[in-house]
PDB file of N, CA and C in Angstrom:
ATOM      1  N   MET A   1      -8.714  29.444  98.089  1.00  0.00           N
ATOM      2  CA  MET A   1      -8.189  28.976  99.332  1.00  0.00           C
ATOM      3  C   MET A   1      -9.258  29.088 100.426  1.00  0.00           C
ATOM      4  N   LEU A   2      -9.967  30.212 100.432  1.00  0.00           N
ATOM      5  CA  LEU A   2     -11.016  30.383 101.440  1.00  0.00           C
ATOM      6  C   LEU A   2     -12.088  29.299 101.310  1.00  0.00           C
ATOM      7  N   GLU A   3     -12.423  28.946 100.080  1.00  0.00           N
ATOM      8  CA  GLU A   3     -13.431  27.905  99.851  1.00  0.00           C
ATOM      9  C   GLU A   3     -12.961  26.562 100.404  1.00  0.00           C
ATOM     10  N   LEU A   4     -11.691  26.226 100.202  1.00  0.00           N
ATOM     11  CA  LEU A   4     -11.148  24.980 100.743  1.00  0.00           C
ATOM     12  C   LEU A   4     -11.214  24.950 102.262  1.00  0.00           C
ATOM     13  N   ALA A   5     -11.052  26.114 102.892  1.00  0.00           N
ATOM     14  CA  ALA A   5     -11.107  26.212 104.353  1.00  0.00           C
ATOM     15  C   ALA A   5     -12.535  26.406 104.854  1.00  0.00           C
ATOM     16  N   GLN A   6     -13.489  26.378 103.938  1.00  0.00           N
ATOM     17  CA  GLN A   6     -14.911  26.588 104.244  1.00  0.00           C
ATOM     18  C   GLN A   6     -15.132  27.934 104.944  1.00  0.00           C
ATOM     19  N   LEU A   7     -14.485  28.964 104.393  1.00  0.00           N
ATOM     20  CA  LEU A   7     -14.606  30.324 104.895  1.00  0.00           C
ATOM     21  C   LEU A   7     -15.050  31.239 103.767  1.00  0.00           C
ATOM     22  N   SER A   8     -15.476  32.436 104.125  1.00  0.00           N
ATOM     23  CA  SER A   8     -15.787  33.454 103.129  1.00  0.00           C
ATOM     24  C   SER A   8     -14.961  34.693 103.432  1.00  0.00           C
ATOM     25  N   VAL A   9     -15.002  35.653 102.542  1.00  0.00           N
ATOM     26  CA  VAL A   9     -14.260  36.893 102.753  1.00  0.00           C
ATOM     27  C   VAL A   9     -14.742  37.581 104.027  1.00  0.00           C
ATOM     28  N   ASP A  10     -16.019  37.452 104.343  1.00  0.00           N
ATOM     29  CA  ASP A  10     -16.565  38.072 105.555  1.00  0.00           C
ATOM     30  C   ASP A  10     -15.986  37.470 106.832  1.00  0.00           C
ATOM     31  N   ASP A  11     -15.489  36.234 106.768  1.00  0.00           N
ATOM     32  CA  ASP A  11     -14.878  35.579 107.934  1.00  0.00           C
ATOM     33  C   ASP A  11     -13.460  36.079 108.192  1.00  0.00           C
ATOM     34  N   PHE A  12     -12.878  36.749 107.220  1.00  0.00           N
ATOM     35  CA  PHE A  12     -11.486  37.168 107.297  1.00  0.00           C
ATOM     36  C   PHE A  12     -11.404  38.623 107.740  1.00  0.00           C
ATOM     37  N   ASN A  13     -10.663  38.889 108.819  1.00  0.00           N
ATOM     38  CA  ASN A  13     -10.533  40.270 109.277  1.00  0.00           C
ATOM     39  C   ASN A  13      -9.071  40.706 109.376  1.00  0.00           C
ATOM     40  N   GLY A  14      -8.198  40.031 108.666  1.00  0.00           N
ATOM     41  CA  GLY A  14      -6.781  40.351 108.690  1.00  0.00           C
ATOM     42  C   GLY A  14      -6.418  41.344 107.610  1.00  0.00           C
ATOM     43  N   TYR A  15      -5.134  41.477 107.379  1.00  0.00           N
ATOM     44  CA  TYR A  15      -4.646  42.367 106.336  1.00  0.00           C
ATOM     45  C   TYR A  15      -3.518  41.672 105.590  1.00  0.00           C
ATOM     46  N   PHE A  16      -3.280  42.114 104.410  1.00  0.00           N
ATOM     47  CA  PHE A  16      -2.202  41.571 103.592  1.00  0.00           C
ATOM     48  C   PHE A  16      -1.109  42.618 103.460  1.00  0.00           C
ATOM     49  N   SER A  17       0.124  42.175 103.439  1.00  0.00           N
ATOM     50  CA  SER A  17       1.231  43.075 103.176  1.00  0.00           C
ATOM     51  C   SER A  17       2.185  42.398 102.201  1.00  0.00           C
ATOM     52  N   ALA A  18       2.894  43.202 101.454  1.00  0.00           N
ATOM     53  CA  ALA A  18       3.834  42.640 100.487  1.00  0.00           C
ATOM     54  C   ALA A  18       5.056  43.529 100.443  1.00  0.00           C
ATOM     55  N   PRO A  19       6.222  43.040 100.261  1.00  0.00           N
ATOM     56  CA  PRO A  19       6.511  41.609 100.128  1.00  0.00           C
ATOM     57  C   PRO A  19       6.338  40.895 101.461  1.00  0.00           C
ATOM     58  N   ALA A  20       6.014  39.635 101.380  1.00  0.00           N
ATOM     59  CA  ALA A  20       5.780  38.826 102.579  1.00  0.00           C
ATOM     60  C   ALA A  20       7.079  38.210 103.057  1.00  0.00           C
ATOM     61  N   GLY A  21       7.154  37.986 104.362  1.00  0.00           N
ATOM     62  CA  GLY A  21       8.301  37.286 104.931  1.00  0.00           C
ATOM     63  C   GLY A  21       9.312  38.211 105.576  1.00  0.00           C
ATOM     64  N   LEU A  22      10.221  37.607 106.318  1.00  0.00           N
ATOM     65  CA  LEU A  22      11.308  38.321 106.963  1.00  0.00           C
ATOM     66  C   LEU A  22      12.565  38.192 106.120  1.00  0.00           C
ATOM     67  N   ALA A  23      13.452  39.145 106.220  1.00  0.00           N
ATOM     68  CA  ALA A  23      14.699  39.138 105.452  1.00  0.00           C
ATOM     69  C   ALA A  23      15.696  38.194 106.118  1.00  0.00           C
ATOM     70  N   LEU A  24      15.553  36.901 105.861  1.00  0.00           N
ATOM     71  CA  LEU A  24      16.420  35.891 106.456  1.00  0.00           C
ATOM     72  C   LEU A  24      17.576  35.526 105.537  1.00  0.00           C
ATOM     73  N   GLY A  25      17.494  35.929 104.291  1.00  0.00           N
ATOM     74  CA  GLY A  25      18.497  35.552 103.305  1.00  0.00           C
ATOM     75  C   GLY A  25      18.066  34.290 102.583  1.00  0.00           C
ATOM     76  N   GLY A  26      18.619  34.049 101.454  1.00  0.00           N
ATOM     77  CA  GLY A  26      18.282  32.870 100.655  1.00  0.00           C
ATOM     78  C   GLY A  26      17.199  33.186  99.647  1.00  0.00           C
ATOM     79  N   GLU A  27      17.243  32.465  98.528  1.00  0.00           N
ATOM     80  CA  GLU A  27      16.282  32.687  97.455  1.00  0.00           C
ATOM     81  C   GLU A  27      15.583  31.405  97.025  1.00  0.00           C
ATOM     82  N   LEU A  28      16.001  30.267  97.554  1.00  0.00           N
ATOM     83  CA  LEU A  28      15.368  29.003  97.173  1.00  0.00           C
ATOM     84  C   LEU A  28      13.985  28.905  97.800  1.00  0.00           C
ATOM     85  N   PRO A  29      13.101  28.095  97.238  1.00  0.00           N
ATOM     86  CA  PRO A  29      11.741  27.998  97.754  1.00  0.00           C
ATOM     87  C   PRO A  29      11.657  27.692  99.255  1.00  0.00           C
ATOM     88  N   GLY A  30      12.526  26.834  99.753  1.00  0.00           N
ATOM     89  CA  GLY A  30      12.517  26.517 101.184  1.00  0.00           C
ATOM     90  C   GLY A  30      12.854  27.727 102.041  1.00  0.00           C
ATOM     91  N   SER A  31      13.771  28.558 101.571  1.00  0.00           N
ATOM     92  CA  SER A  31      14.143  29.775 102.294  1.00  0.00           C
ATOM     93  C   SER A  31      13.002  30.781 102.297  1.00  0.00           C
ATOM     94  N   VAL A  32      12.330  30.905 101.175  1.00  0.00           N
ATOM     95  CA  VAL A  32      11.193  31.818 101.073  1.00  0.00           C
ATOM     96  C   VAL A  32      10.064  31.341 101.990  1.00  0.00           C
ATOM     97  N   ALA A  33       9.799  30.041 102.000  1.00  0.00           N
ATOM     98  CA  ALA A  33       8.750  29.487 102.861  1.00  0.00           C
ATOM     99  C   ALA A  33       9.081  29.711 104.332  1.00  0.00           C
ATOM    100  N   LEU A  34      10.319  29.476 104.724  1.00  0.00           N
ATOM    101  CA  LEU A  34      10.732  29.700 106.110  1.00  0.00           C
ATOM    102  C   LEU A  34      10.568  31.166 106.493  1.00  0.00           C
ATOM    103  N   SER A  35      10.931  32.052 105.588  1.00  0.00           N
ATOM    104  CA  SER A  35      10.805  33.480 105.815  1.00  0.00           C
ATOM    105  C   SER A  35       9.343  33.874 106.041  1.00  0.00           C
ATOM    106  N   MET A  36       8.451  33.353 105.210  1.00  0.00           N
ATOM    107  CA  MET A  36       7.028  33.680 105.316  1.00  0.00           C
ATOM    108  C   MET A  36       6.411  33.088 106.581  1.00  0.00           C
ATOM    109  N   LEU A  37       6.748  31.843 106.892  1.00  0.00           N
ATOM    110  CA  LEU A  37       6.222  31.228 108.113  1.00  0.00           C
ATOM    111  C   LEU A  37       6.754  31.923 109.363  1.00  0.00           C
ATOM    112  N   SER A  38       7.990  32.386 109.300  1.00  0.00           N
ATOM    113  CA  SER A  38       8.563  33.120 110.424  1.00  0.00           C
ATOM    114  C   SER A  38       7.795  34.410 110.671  1.00  0.00           C
ATOM    115  N   GLN A  39       7.434  35.109 109.606  1.00  0.00           N
ATOM    116  CA  GLN A  39       6.658  36.334 109.769  1.00  0.00           C
ATOM    117  C   GLN A  39       5.279  36.013 110.326  1.00  0.00           C
ATOM    118  N   CYS A  40       4.640  34.969 109.834  1.00  0.00           N
ATOM    119  CA  CYS A  40       3.320  34.566 110.345  1.00  0.00           C
ATOM    120  C   CYS A  40       3.394  34.259 111.835  1.00  0.00           C
ATOM    121  N   HIS A  41       4.417  33.530 112.247  1.00  0.00           N
ATOM    122  CA  HIS A  41       4.603  33.185 113.650  1.00  0.00           C
ATOM    123  C   HIS A  41       4.772  34.453 114.493  1.00  0.00           C
ATOM    124  N   GLY A  42       5.566  35.376 114.004  1.00  0.00           N
ATOM    125  CA  GLY A  42       5.770  36.636 114.707  1.00  0.00           C
ATOM    126  C   GLY A  42       4.491  37.437 114.852  1.00  0.00           C
ATOM    127  N   VAL A  43       3.690  37.473 113.811  1.00  0.00           N
ATOM    128  CA  VAL A  43       2.418  38.202 113.868  1.00  0.00           C
ATOM    129  C   VAL A  43       1.479  37.554 114.877  1.00  0.00           C
ATOM    130  N   LEU A  44       1.395  36.232 114.870  1.00  0.00           N
ATOM    131  CA  LEU A  44       0.512  35.532 115.805  1.00  0.00           C
ATOM    132  C   LEU A  44       0.876  35.790 117.255  1.00  0.00           C
ATOM    133  N   TYR A  45       2.171  35.961 117.524  1.00  0.00           N
ATOM    134  CA  TYR A  45       2.640  36.156 118.896  1.00  0.00           C
ATOM    135  C   TYR A  45       3.006  37.607 119.200  1.00  0.00           C
ATOM    136  N   HIS A  46       2.587  38.527 118.315  1.00  0.00           N
ATOM    137  CA  HIS A  46       2.793  39.969 118.517  1.00  0.00           C
ATOM    138  C   HIS A  46       4.250  40.310 118.822  1.00  0.00           C
ATOM    139  N   SER A  47       5.168  39.663 118.125  1.00  0.00           N
ATOM    140  CA  SER A  47       6.589  39.897 118.369  1.00  0.00           C
ATOM    141  C   SER A  47       7.092  41.086 117.560  1.00  0.00           C
ATOM    142  N   LYS A  48       8.234  41.603 117.974  1.00  0.00           N
ATOM    143  CA  LYS A  48       8.908  42.661 117.235  1.00  0.00           C
ATOM    144  C   LYS A  48      10.121  42.037 116.563  1.00  0.00           C
ATOM    145  N   LEU A  49      10.464  42.536 115.405  1.00  0.00           N
ATOM    146  CA  LEU A  49      11.617  42.009 114.672  1.00  0.00           C
ATOM    147  C   LEU A  49      12.883  42.420 115.407  1.00  0.00           C
ATOM    148  N   THR A  50      13.477  41.474 116.105  1.00  0.00           N
ATOM    149  CA  THR A  50      14.669  41.728 116.900  1.00  0.00           C
ATOM    150  C   THR A  50      15.694  40.639 116.623  1.00  0.00           C
ATOM    151  N   SER A  51      16.920  41.028 116.397  1.00  0.00           N
ATOM    152  CA  SER A  51      17.992  40.072 116.190  1.00  0.00           C
ATOM    153  C   SER A  51      18.382  39.475 117.549  1.00  0.00           C
ATOM    154  N   LEU A  52      18.450  38.162 117.629  1.00  0.00           N
ATOM    155  CA  LEU A  52      18.767  37.515 118.900  1.00  0.00           C
ATOM    156  C   LEU A  52      20.187  37.820 119.381  1.00  0.00           C
ATOM    157  N   ASP A  53      21.095  38.089 118.456  1.00  0.00           N
ATOM    158  CA  ASP A  53      22.464  38.389 118.888  1.00  0.00           C
ATOM    159  C   ASP A  53      22.599  39.790 119.485  1.00  0.00           C
ATOM    160  N   SER A  54      21.536  40.608 119.395  1.00  0.00           N
ATOM    161  CA  SER A  54      21.576  41.936 119.998  1.00  0.00           C
ATOM    162  C   SER A  54      20.824  41.989 121.317  1.00  0.00           C
ATOM    163  N   VAL A  55      20.220  40.871 121.712  1.00  0.00           N
ATOM    164  CA  VAL A  55      19.447  40.828 122.941  1.00  0.00           C
ATOM    165  C   VAL A  55      20.360  40.366 124.081  1.00  0.00           C
ATOM    166  N   MET A  56      20.351  41.092 125.155  1.00  0.00           N
ATOM    167  CA  MET A  56      21.155  40.711 126.333  1.00  0.00           C
ATOM    168  C   MET A  56      20.360  39.672 127.118  1.00  0.00           C
ATOM    169  N   LEU A  57      20.950  38.530 127.359  1.00  0.00           N
ATOM    170  CA  LEU A  57      20.269  37.484 128.132  1.00  0.00           C
ATOM    171  C   LEU A  57      20.635  37.552 129.584  1.00  0.00           C
TER     172      LEU A  57
END
């Protein structure tokens, strides 16, 4: 994957964690992909895992 992106291991300064994704429910591939992308989005924006129904607006 790094080769396709024209990167090397030295260009990467992140970390890996497993299992990946947020516990959104569902087991189909689309649900797993949504879960993983949701976690990526949260990491990029330094968010905390918070349920929206518990947040006072």
